[in-house]
Amino acid sequence: MDLEHPDITRVRRTGSPYSERRQMYVTDGLGNDVHSGDEILKLDDEFYLVDELSADAREILEQLGAGYEIAK
């Protein structure tokens, strides 16, 4: 029986250690990498990765009218 770690199998199959569902989306307004499935705050044409924002920054963006979305 030949066992192989799932990450190695995925790299052999796709060339990437990450799931096909978690592909690079783009970088946010602060230069953070955003992937599909990540929570973002969107304000006009800009968006920001929620996990990288302080509570104060989130509150300010919310007051300016930013809305929460999931990156696709």
C-alpha atoms as a PDB file:
ATOM      1  CA  MET A   1       0.000   0.000   0.000  1.00  0.00           C
ATOM      2  CA  ASP A   2       1.492   3.305  -1.124  1.00  0.00           C
ATOM      3  CA  LEU A   3       0.314   6.337   0.863  1.00  0.00           C
ATOM      4  CA  GLU A   4       1.037   9.902  -0.126  1.00  0.00           C
ATOM      5  CA  HIS A   5       0.237  13.142   1.667  1.00  0.00           C
ATOM      6  CA  PRO A   6      -2.790  14.920   0.077  1.00  0.00           C
ATOM      7  CA  ASP A   7      -0.739  18.104  -0.495  1.00  0.00           C
ATOM      8  CA  ILE A   8       1.810  16.151  -2.530  1.00  0.00           C
ATOM      9  CA  THR A   9      -0.957  14.504  -4.560  1.00  0.00           C
ATOM     10  CA  ARG A  10      -2.502  17.942  -5.228  1.00  0.00           C
ATOM     11  CA  VAL A  11       0.856  19.401  -6.306  1.00  0.00           C
ATOM     12  CA  ARG A  12       1.397  16.513  -8.701  1.00  0.00           C
ATOM     13  CA  ARG A  13      -2.119  16.933 -10.121  1.00  0.00           C
ATOM     14  CA  THR A  14      -2.438  20.742 -10.261  1.00  0.00           C
ATOM     15  CA  GLY A  15       1.033  22.180  -9.765  1.00  0.00           C
ATOM     16  CA  SER A  16      -0.131  24.021  -6.636  1.00  0.00           C
ATOM     17  CA  PRO A  17      -0.268  22.943  -2.984  1.00  0.00           C
ATOM     18  CA  TYR A  18      -3.498  24.866  -2.513  1.00  0.00           C
ATOM     19  CA  SER A  19      -6.993  23.707  -3.258  1.00  0.00           C
ATOM     20  CA  GLU A  20      -8.445  24.704  -6.623  1.00  0.00           C
ATOM     21  CA  ARG A  21     -11.249  26.381  -4.673  1.00  0.00           C
ATOM     22  CA  ARG A  22      -8.815  28.734  -2.924  1.00  0.00           C
ATOM     23  CA  GLN A  23      -7.276  30.553  -5.832  1.00  0.00           C
ATOM     24  CA  MET A  24      -5.625  33.968  -5.744  1.00  0.00           C
ATOM     25  CA  TYR A  25      -8.205  36.704  -6.000  1.00  0.00           C
ATOM     26  CA  VAL A  26      -6.052  39.840  -6.026  1.00  0.00           C
ATOM     27  CA  THR A  27      -4.324  42.177  -3.580  1.00  0.00           C
ATOM     28  CA  ASP A  28      -6.341  44.599  -1.478  1.00  0.00           C
ATOM     29  CA  GLY A  29      -5.856  48.344  -1.051  1.00  0.00           C
ATOM     30  CA  LEU A  30      -3.128  47.701   1.524  1.00  0.00           C
ATOM     31  CA  GLY A  31      -1.218  45.097  -0.500  1.00  0.00           C
ATOM     32  CA  ASN A  32      -2.547  42.001   1.293  1.00  0.00           C
ATOM     33  CA  ASP A  33      -3.186  38.865  -0.767  1.00  0.00           C
ATOM     34  CA  VAL A  34      -6.896  38.106  -0.942  1.00  0.00           C
ATOM     35  CA  HIS A  35      -8.092  34.627  -1.959  1.00  0.00           C
ATOM     36  CA  SER A  36     -11.519  33.394  -2.926  1.00  0.00           C
ATOM     37  CA  GLY A  37     -13.534  32.730   0.212  1.00  0.00           C
ATOM     38  CA  ASP A  38     -11.830  35.462   2.274  1.00  0.00           C
ATOM     39  CA  GLU A  39     -13.994  38.086   3.952  1.00  0.00           C
ATOM     40  CA  ILE A  40     -13.439  41.594   2.608  1.00  0.00           C
ATOM     41  CA  LEU A  41     -14.779  45.060   3.320  1.00  0.00           C
ATOM     42  CA  LYS A  42     -15.643  46.828   0.071  1.00  0.00           C
ATOM     43  CA  LEU A  43     -15.856  50.615  -0.250  1.00  0.00           C
ATOM     44  CA  ASP A  44     -16.541  52.001  -3.724  1.00  0.00           C
ATOM     45  CA  ASP A  45     -13.856  50.477  -5.976  1.00  0.00           C
ATOM     46  CA  GLU A  46     -11.502  49.500  -3.126  1.00  0.00           C
ATOM     47  CA  PHE A  47     -11.616  46.480  -0.828  1.00  0.00           C
ATOM     48  CA  TYR A  48      -9.699  45.334   2.237  1.00  0.00           C
ATOM     49  CA  LEU A  49      -9.008  41.931   3.801  1.00  0.00           C
ATOM     50  CA  VAL A  50     -10.983  41.919   7.055  1.00  0.00           C
ATOM     51  CA  ASP A  51      -8.499  39.636   8.871  1.00  0.00           C
ATOM     52  CA  GLU A  52      -5.731  42.225   8.422  1.00  0.00           C
ATOM     53  CA  LEU A  53      -7.736  45.222   9.659  1.00  0.00           C
ATOM     54  CA  SER A  54      -7.801  46.452  13.243  1.00  0.00           C
ATOM     55  CA  ALA A  55     -11.160  46.887  14.944  1.00  0.00           C
ATOM     56  CA  ASP A  56     -10.777  50.667  14.577  1.00  0.00           C
ATOM     57  CA  ALA A  57     -10.103  50.398  10.850  1.00  0.00           C
ATOM     58  CA  ARG A  58     -13.163  48.166  10.382  1.00  0.00           C
ATOM     59  CA  GLU A  59     -15.338  50.612  12.291  1.00  0.00           C
ATOM     60  CA  ILE A  60     -14.100  53.570  10.242  1.00  0.00           C
ATOM     61  CA  LEU A  61     -14.717  51.730   6.967  1.00  0.00           C
ATOM     62  CA  GLU A  62     -18.204  50.727   8.148  1.00  0.00           C
ATOM     63  CA  GLN A  63     -18.995  54.352   9.042  1.00  0.00           C
ATOM     64  CA  LEU A  64     -17.851  55.399   5.562  1.00  0.00           C
ATOM     65  CA  GLY A  65     -20.320  52.914   4.069  1.00  0.00           C
ATOM     66  CA  ALA A  66     -18.162  49.862   3.382  1.00  0.00           C
ATOM     67  CA  GLY A  67     -19.964  46.529   3.178  1.00  0.00           C
ATOM     68  CA  TYR A  68     -18.836  43.023   4.044  1.00  0.00           C
ATOM     69  CA  GLU A  69     -18.504  40.535   1.187  1.00  0.00           C
ATOM     70  CA  ILE A  70     -16.861  37.201   0.472  1.00  0.00           C
ATOM     71  CA  ALA A  71     -14.188  37.267  -2.235  1.00  0.00           C
ATOM     72  CA  LYS A  72     -15.154  35.088  -5.205  1.00  0.00           C
END
